[in-house]
Amino acid sequence: MWQFVARSLDASTIFTLAGLGELVDQRSGILNVGLEGIMLFGATLGFIATKVTGNYLIGFAVALLIGALLGLMHGFFSITLGVDQVVSGMGIWILGFGLTTYIGNPYTGPLGLERIPTVGGVSPFFYLGVVLVLLSWFILFKTSFGLQLRSVGENPSVAEVSGINVKRTRYLAVTFGGMMSGFAGAVYALYYNPVWNYNFLMGWGFISLALVFFSMWNPLILFGGSLLFGLLWQLSLNPQLFLPGLMSRYLWRTVPFVITILVLVLISTKWFRTRWGAAKPEALGVPYVK
């Protein structure tokens, strides 16, 4: 039972890290639907770097770097050029889906290194995720920088008049978001499931994206949602532990994605927008022209 709980927490960590980066992105007014692509790049290049060098730190550093670069690329298209943010994000996802398949193919298989040790049976990244959630909540809601970031996401024109550099603030947000996505992908590939294969993330980035909307753009709620989806994901892999013979394990594997779709449908309803719409950054996805 404890192993099941520990693996659920490990899975939730990946959702937390990727979702937290996207939450900061969206708080600044930038929508990045290319999380899956950035996570694939971070996972693949981090995996390759670690396998070639035998050093986990180098692998994570590479994942953070590629994540930051992809975040900046999305920022360039979305902030500087003002293109449609959904199109830019989808382009990153398609690029990641195709290019990582080509780059990673020669390295298909297990990492082949000693596993990163746990702390109390749980991934050390879980504790890091908790710290980052608390730190993000504090910065967003208790500091002047957090107020500036949220102001940029609500009304960039007013923020600019108030002396806030909108472009710089958004670039900081997308860089952080990209780094977190790349790091989340590396945690998946180097710790949670250290075996590289074609498209091995299987939609984790899209679940993380949905969690941001589910969370009402609050890091604490995001963490709670990540715990729930981590549990659901692990349950979909081991349904016989609790509900033996209820459904085929292949149907159980669809449960996290079905719930993700239901969440997205719910937040798209008029009732939800009327009741909770104030939580959504007003300028989310809207290009800003000074």
Protein backbone atom coordinates (compact mmCIF):
# COMPACT_ATOMS: atom_id res chain seq x y z
CA MET A 1 0.00 0.00 0.00
CA TRP A 2 2.77 2.46 0.89
CA GLN A 3 4.48 1.78 -2.42
CA PHE A 4 1.24 2.72 -4.20
CA VAL A 5 0.97 5.95 -2.19
CA ALA A 6 4.63 6.80 -2.81
CA ARG A 7 4.31 6.25 -6.56
CA SER A 8 1.16 8.40 -6.56
CA LEU A 9 3.10 11.21 -4.89
CA ASP A 10 5.91 10.77 -7.41
CA ALA A 11 3.43 11.10 -10.27
CA SER A 12 1.79 14.14 -8.69
CA THR A 13 5.19 15.83 -8.51
CA ILE A 14 5.46 15.93 -12.30
CA PHE A 15 1.99 17.44 -12.65
CA THR A 16 2.86 19.96 -9.94
CA LEU A 17 6.11 21.13 -11.52
CA ALA A 18 4.74 21.49 -15.05
CA GLY A 19 1.46 23.00 -13.86
CA LEU A 20 3.19 25.51 -11.62
CA GLY A 21 5.25 26.87 -14.50
CA GLU A 22 2.15 27.19 -16.68
CA LEU A 23 0.23 28.86 -13.83
CA VAL A 24 2.85 31.60 -13.60
CA ASP A 25 2.75 31.91 -17.40
CA GLN A 26 -1.00 32.39 -17.39
CA ARG A 27 -0.96 34.78 -14.45
CA SER A 28 1.14 37.05 -16.66
CA GLY A 29 -1.39 36.71 -19.50
CA ILE A 30 0.49 34.17 -21.64
CA LEU A 31 -1.13 30.85 -22.55
CA ASN A 32 1.21 28.01 -23.52
CA VAL A 33 -0.57 24.89 -24.73
CA GLY A 34 2.79 23.42 -25.77
CA LEU A 35 3.62 22.00 -22.34
CA GLU A 36 3.73 18.48 -23.70
CA GLY A 37 6.28 19.48 -26.32
CA ILE A 38 8.56 21.26 -23.84
CA MET A 39 8.31 18.32 -21.43
CA LEU A 40 9.22 15.94 -24.28
CA PHE A 41 12.29 18.04 -25.10
CA GLY A 42 13.33 18.23 -21.44
CA ALA A 43 12.77 14.51 -20.93
CA THR A 44 14.57 13.44 -24.09
CA LEU A 45 17.58 15.75 -24.00
CA GLY A 46 17.92 15.32 -20.24
CA PHE A 47 17.81 11.54 -20.69
CA ILE A 48 20.43 11.61 -23.46
CA ALA A 49 22.75 13.96 -21.55
CA THR A 50 22.53 11.81 -18.44
CA LYS A 51 23.06 8.56 -20.32
CA VAL A 52 26.08 9.92 -22.21
CA THR A 53 27.76 11.58 -19.23
CA GLY A 54 26.53 9.35 -16.42
CA ASN A 55 25.73 12.51 -14.44
CA TYR A 56 22.20 13.33 -13.31
CA LEU A 57 23.02 16.97 -12.62
CA ILE A 58 24.07 17.53 -16.21
CA GLY A 59 20.86 15.91 -17.41
CA PHE A 60 18.68 18.16 -15.27
CA ALA A 61 20.72 21.22 -16.26
CA VAL A 62 20.20 20.42 -19.95
CA ALA A 63 16.46 19.97 -19.37
CA LEU A 64 16.21 23.31 -17.59
CA LEU A 65 18.18 25.02 -20.36
CA ILE A 66 16.12 23.63 -23.24
CA GLY A 67 12.95 24.44 -21.31
CA ALA A 68 14.07 28.04 -20.83
CA LEU A 69 14.96 28.37 -24.52
CA LEU A 70 11.61 26.99 -25.65
CA GLY A 71 9.84 29.27 -23.19
CA LEU A 72 11.72 32.22 -24.65
CA MET A 73 10.84 31.09 -28.16
CA HIS A 74 7.15 30.99 -27.24
CA GLY A 75 7.61 34.40 -25.63
CA PHE A 76 9.19 35.82 -28.78
CA PHE A 77 6.26 34.71 -30.92
CA SER A 78 3.59 35.61 -28.36
CA ILE A 79 5.00 38.78 -26.79
CA THR A 80 7.25 40.37 -29.39
CA LEU A 81 5.48 39.30 -32.59
CA GLY A 82 2.00 39.10 -31.06
CA VAL A 83 0.99 35.91 -32.88
CA ASP A 84 -1.83 33.66 -31.70
CA GLN A 85 -0.60 32.01 -28.50
CA VAL A 86 -2.48 28.76 -29.11
CA VAL A 87 -0.90 28.40 -32.56
CA SER A 88 2.56 29.08 -31.14
CA GLY A 89 2.07 26.55 -28.35
CA MET A 90 0.73 23.88 -30.69
CA GLY A 91 3.73 24.46 -32.93
CA ILE A 92 6.04 23.75 -29.98
CA TRP A 93 4.11 20.57 -29.19
CA ILE A 94 4.27 19.31 -32.79
CA LEU A 95 7.97 20.16 -32.97
CA GLY A 96 8.63 18.33 -29.72
CA PHE A 97 6.57 15.32 -30.76
CA GLY A 98 8.44 14.90 -34.05
CA LEU A 99 11.96 16.04 -33.27
CA THR A 100 12.37 14.15 -29.99
CA THR A 101 11.29 10.95 -31.74
CA TYR A 102 14.13 11.40 -34.22
CA ILE A 103 16.73 12.54 -31.67
CA GLY A 104 15.89 10.00 -29.00
CA ASN A 105 15.45 6.91 -31.18
CA PRO A 106 19.12 5.75 -30.87
CA TYR A 107 18.79 5.90 -27.08
CA THR A 108 15.62 3.81 -26.81
CA GLY A 109 15.66 1.67 -23.67
CA PRO A 110 16.52 2.00 -19.98
CA LEU A 111 18.78 4.71 -18.59
CA GLY A 112 21.07 2.10 -17.07
CA LEU A 113 22.22 4.14 -14.07
CA GLU A 114 21.68 3.70 -10.36
CA ARG A 115 18.31 5.15 -9.38
CA ILE A 116 18.12 8.48 -7.57
CA PRO A 117 17.59 7.61 -3.88
CA THR A 118 14.27 8.36 -2.21
CA VAL A 119 13.68 10.37 0.96
CA GLY A 120 11.38 8.43 3.27
CA GLY A 121 10.34 6.28 0.33
CA VAL A 122 9.23 9.30 -1.70
CA SER A 123 10.96 11.15 -4.50
CA PRO A 124 13.14 14.06 -3.30
CA PHE A 125 11.47 16.07 -6.06
CA PHE A 126 8.15 15.79 -4.24
CA TYR A 127 9.52 17.83 -1.34
CA LEU A 128 11.02 20.31 -3.80
CA GLY A 129 7.60 20.61 -5.42
CA VAL A 130 5.96 21.41 -2.08
CA VAL A 131 8.54 24.13 -1.42
CA LEU A 132 8.05 25.61 -4.90
CA VAL A 133 4.25 25.63 -4.48
CA LEU A 134 4.45 27.50 -1.18
CA LEU A 135 7.08 29.87 -2.52
CA SER A 136 5.06 30.59 -5.66
CA TRP A 137 1.91 31.26 -3.63
CA PHE A 138 3.81 33.64 -1.37
CA ILE A 139 5.43 35.51 -4.27
CA LEU A 140 2.19 35.78 -6.25
CA PHE A 141 -0.02 36.99 -3.43
CA LYS A 142 2.27 38.53 -0.81
CA THR A 143 4.96 40.42 -2.73
CA SER A 144 5.07 43.50 -4.95
CA PHE A 145 6.51 41.46 -7.82
CA GLY A 146 3.58 39.06 -7.59
CA LEU A 147 1.19 41.98 -7.75
CA GLN A 148 2.99 43.29 -10.82
CA LEU A 149 2.82 39.88 -12.47
CA ARG A 150 -0.90 39.55 -11.80
CA SER A 151 -1.49 43.13 -12.95
CA VAL A 152 0.20 42.39 -16.26
CA GLY A 153 -2.10 39.40 -16.71
CA GLU A 154 -5.23 41.38 -15.83
CA ASN A 155 -4.77 44.70 -17.61
CA PRO A 156 -1.37 45.23 -19.26
CA SER A 157 -2.25 48.74 -20.45
CA VAL A 158 -2.92 49.94 -16.91
CA ALA A 159 0.16 48.09 -15.66
CA GLU A 160 2.32 49.84 -18.28
CA VAL A 161 0.96 53.25 -17.29
CA SER A 162 1.75 52.39 -13.66
CA GLY A 163 5.41 51.95 -14.58
CA ILE A 164 5.52 48.15 -14.97
CA ASN A 165 7.50 46.79 -17.90
CA VAL A 166 4.92 44.40 -19.38
CA LYS A 167 7.20 42.69 -21.89
CA ARG A 168 9.99 42.09 -19.39
CA THR A 169 7.57 40.71 -16.81
CA ARG A 170 6.00 38.36 -19.33
CA TYR A 171 9.38 37.21 -20.60
CA LEU A 172 10.39 36.34 -17.04
CA ALA A 173 7.16 34.37 -16.66
CA VAL A 174 7.52 32.38 -19.90
CA THR A 175 11.16 31.61 -19.12
CA PHE A 176 10.21 30.28 -15.70
CA GLY A 177 7.31 28.34 -17.20
CA GLY A 178 9.56 26.75 -19.81
CA MET A 179 12.18 25.81 -17.25
CA MET A 180 9.59 24.17 -15.02
CA SER A 181 8.15 22.18 -17.93
CA GLY A 182 11.60 21.01 -19.02
CA PHE A 183 12.42 20.08 -15.44
CA ALA A 184 9.13 18.17 -15.07
CA GLY A 185 9.95 16.19 -18.21
CA ALA A 186 13.40 15.38 -16.83
CA VAL A 187 11.94 14.20 -13.52
CA TYR A 188 9.70 11.84 -15.49
CA ALA A 189 12.53 10.50 -17.66
CA LEU A 190 15.30 10.36 -15.05
CA TYR A 191 13.33 9.30 -11.99
CA TYR A 192 9.70 8.27 -12.43
CA ASN A 193 10.13 6.14 -15.55
CA PRO A 194 13.81 6.07 -16.65
CA VAL A 195 13.19 4.24 -19.92
CA TRP A 196 13.12 6.27 -23.13
CA ASN A 197 10.58 5.41 -25.78
CA TYR A 198 8.60 7.10 -28.52
CA ASN A 199 6.17 9.70 -27.09
CA PHE A 200 6.62 8.22 -23.62
CA LEU A 201 4.96 11.10 -21.74
CA MET A 202 1.54 9.99 -23.01
CA GLY A 203 -0.30 13.26 -22.44
CA TRP A 204 1.08 14.31 -19.05
CA GLY A 205 1.63 17.84 -20.34
CA PHE A 206 -2.01 18.21 -21.35
CA ILE A 207 -3.17 16.97 -17.96
CA SER A 208 -0.88 19.56 -16.33
CA LEU A 209 -2.37 22.26 -18.55
CA ALA A 210 -5.90 21.27 -17.53
CA LEU A 211 -4.87 21.35 -13.87
CA VAL A 212 -4.02 25.04 -14.15
CA PHE A 213 -7.62 25.84 -15.12
CA PHE A 214 -8.88 23.41 -12.50
CA SER A 215 -6.83 25.23 -9.86
CA MET A 216 -8.40 28.66 -10.41
CA TRP A 217 -4.85 29.89 -10.96
CA ASN A 218 -3.95 29.25 -7.33
CA PRO A 219 -0.76 27.23 -6.58
CA LEU A 220 -2.26 25.62 -3.47
CA ILE A 221 -5.31 24.33 -5.33
CA LEU A 222 -3.04 23.24 -8.16
CA PHE A 223 -1.07 21.11 -5.71
CA GLY A 224 -4.27 19.50 -4.44
CA GLY A 225 -5.35 18.74 -8.01
CA SER A 226 -1.94 17.27 -8.76
CA LEU A 227 -2.26 14.93 -5.78
CA LEU A 228 -5.67 13.81 -7.05
CA PHE A 229 -4.47 13.18 -10.59
CA GLY A 230 -1.31 11.45 -9.34
CA LEU A 231 -3.55 9.07 -7.40
CA LEU A 232 -5.82 8.54 -10.41
CA TRP A 233 -2.86 7.89 -12.68
CA GLN A 234 -1.38 5.30 -10.35
CA LEU A 235 -4.79 3.72 -9.85
CA SER A 236 -5.13 3.42 -13.63
CA LEU A 237 -1.87 1.43 -13.64
CA ASN A 238 -2.80 -0.78 -10.67
CA PRO A 239 -6.63 -1.00 -10.50
CA GLN A 240 -6.49 -4.55 -9.17
CA LEU A 241 -5.25 -3.24 -5.82
CA PHE A 242 -8.63 -1.71 -4.99
CA LEU A 243 -11.17 -2.69 -7.64
CA PRO A 244 -10.16 -6.10 -8.99
CA GLY A 245 -12.09 -7.28 -12.01
CA LEU A 246 -14.20 -4.10 -12.32
CA MET A 247 -12.89 -2.97 -15.71
CA SER A 248 -10.15 -3.81 -18.14
CA ARG A 249 -6.86 -2.18 -17.23
CA TYR A 250 -6.86 -0.58 -20.67
CA LEU A 251 -10.10 1.22 -19.81
CA TRP A 252 -8.62 2.30 -16.48
CA ARG A 253 -5.76 3.92 -18.36
CA THR A 254 -8.25 6.32 -19.95
CA VAL A 255 -9.70 7.51 -16.63
CA PRO A 256 -7.24 10.42 -16.01
CA PHE A 257 -7.82 11.70 -19.54
CA VAL A 258 -11.60 11.36 -19.32
CA ILE A 259 -11.56 13.39 -16.10
CA THR A 260 -9.30 15.94 -17.79
CA ILE A 261 -11.84 16.33 -20.61
CA LEU A 262 -14.69 16.67 -18.10
CA VAL A 263 -12.76 19.39 -16.24
CA LEU A 264 -12.16 21.30 -19.47
CA VAL A 265 -15.84 20.99 -20.41
CA LEU A 266 -16.90 22.21 -16.97
CA ILE A 267 -14.72 25.30 -17.05
CA SER A 268 -16.08 26.13 -20.50
CA THR A 269 -19.70 26.29 -19.34
CA LYS A 270 -21.54 29.55 -18.86
CA TRP A 271 -22.29 28.64 -15.22
CA PHE A 272 -18.62 28.20 -14.45
CA ARG A 273 -17.55 31.37 -16.23
CA THR A 274 -20.24 33.36 -14.45
CA ARG A 275 -19.44 31.98 -11.01
CA TRP A 276 -15.66 31.69 -11.20
CA GLY A 277 -14.65 33.79 -14.18
CA ALA A 278 -13.13 36.49 -11.97
CA ALA A 279 -10.27 34.11 -11.15
CA LYS A 280 -9.17 33.92 -14.77
CA PRO A 281 -6.61 36.56 -15.82
CA GLU A 282 -8.54 38.99 -18.00
CA ALA A 283 -5.76 39.40 -20.56
CA LEU A 284 -4.97 35.68 -20.85
CA GLY A 285 -4.12 34.82 -24.44
CA VAL A 286 -4.59 38.41 -25.66
CA PRO A 287 -1.57 39.97 -27.43
CA TYR A 288 -0.53 43.29 -25.92
CA VAL A 289 0.34 46.18 -28.20
CA LYS A 290 1.85 49.17 -26.41
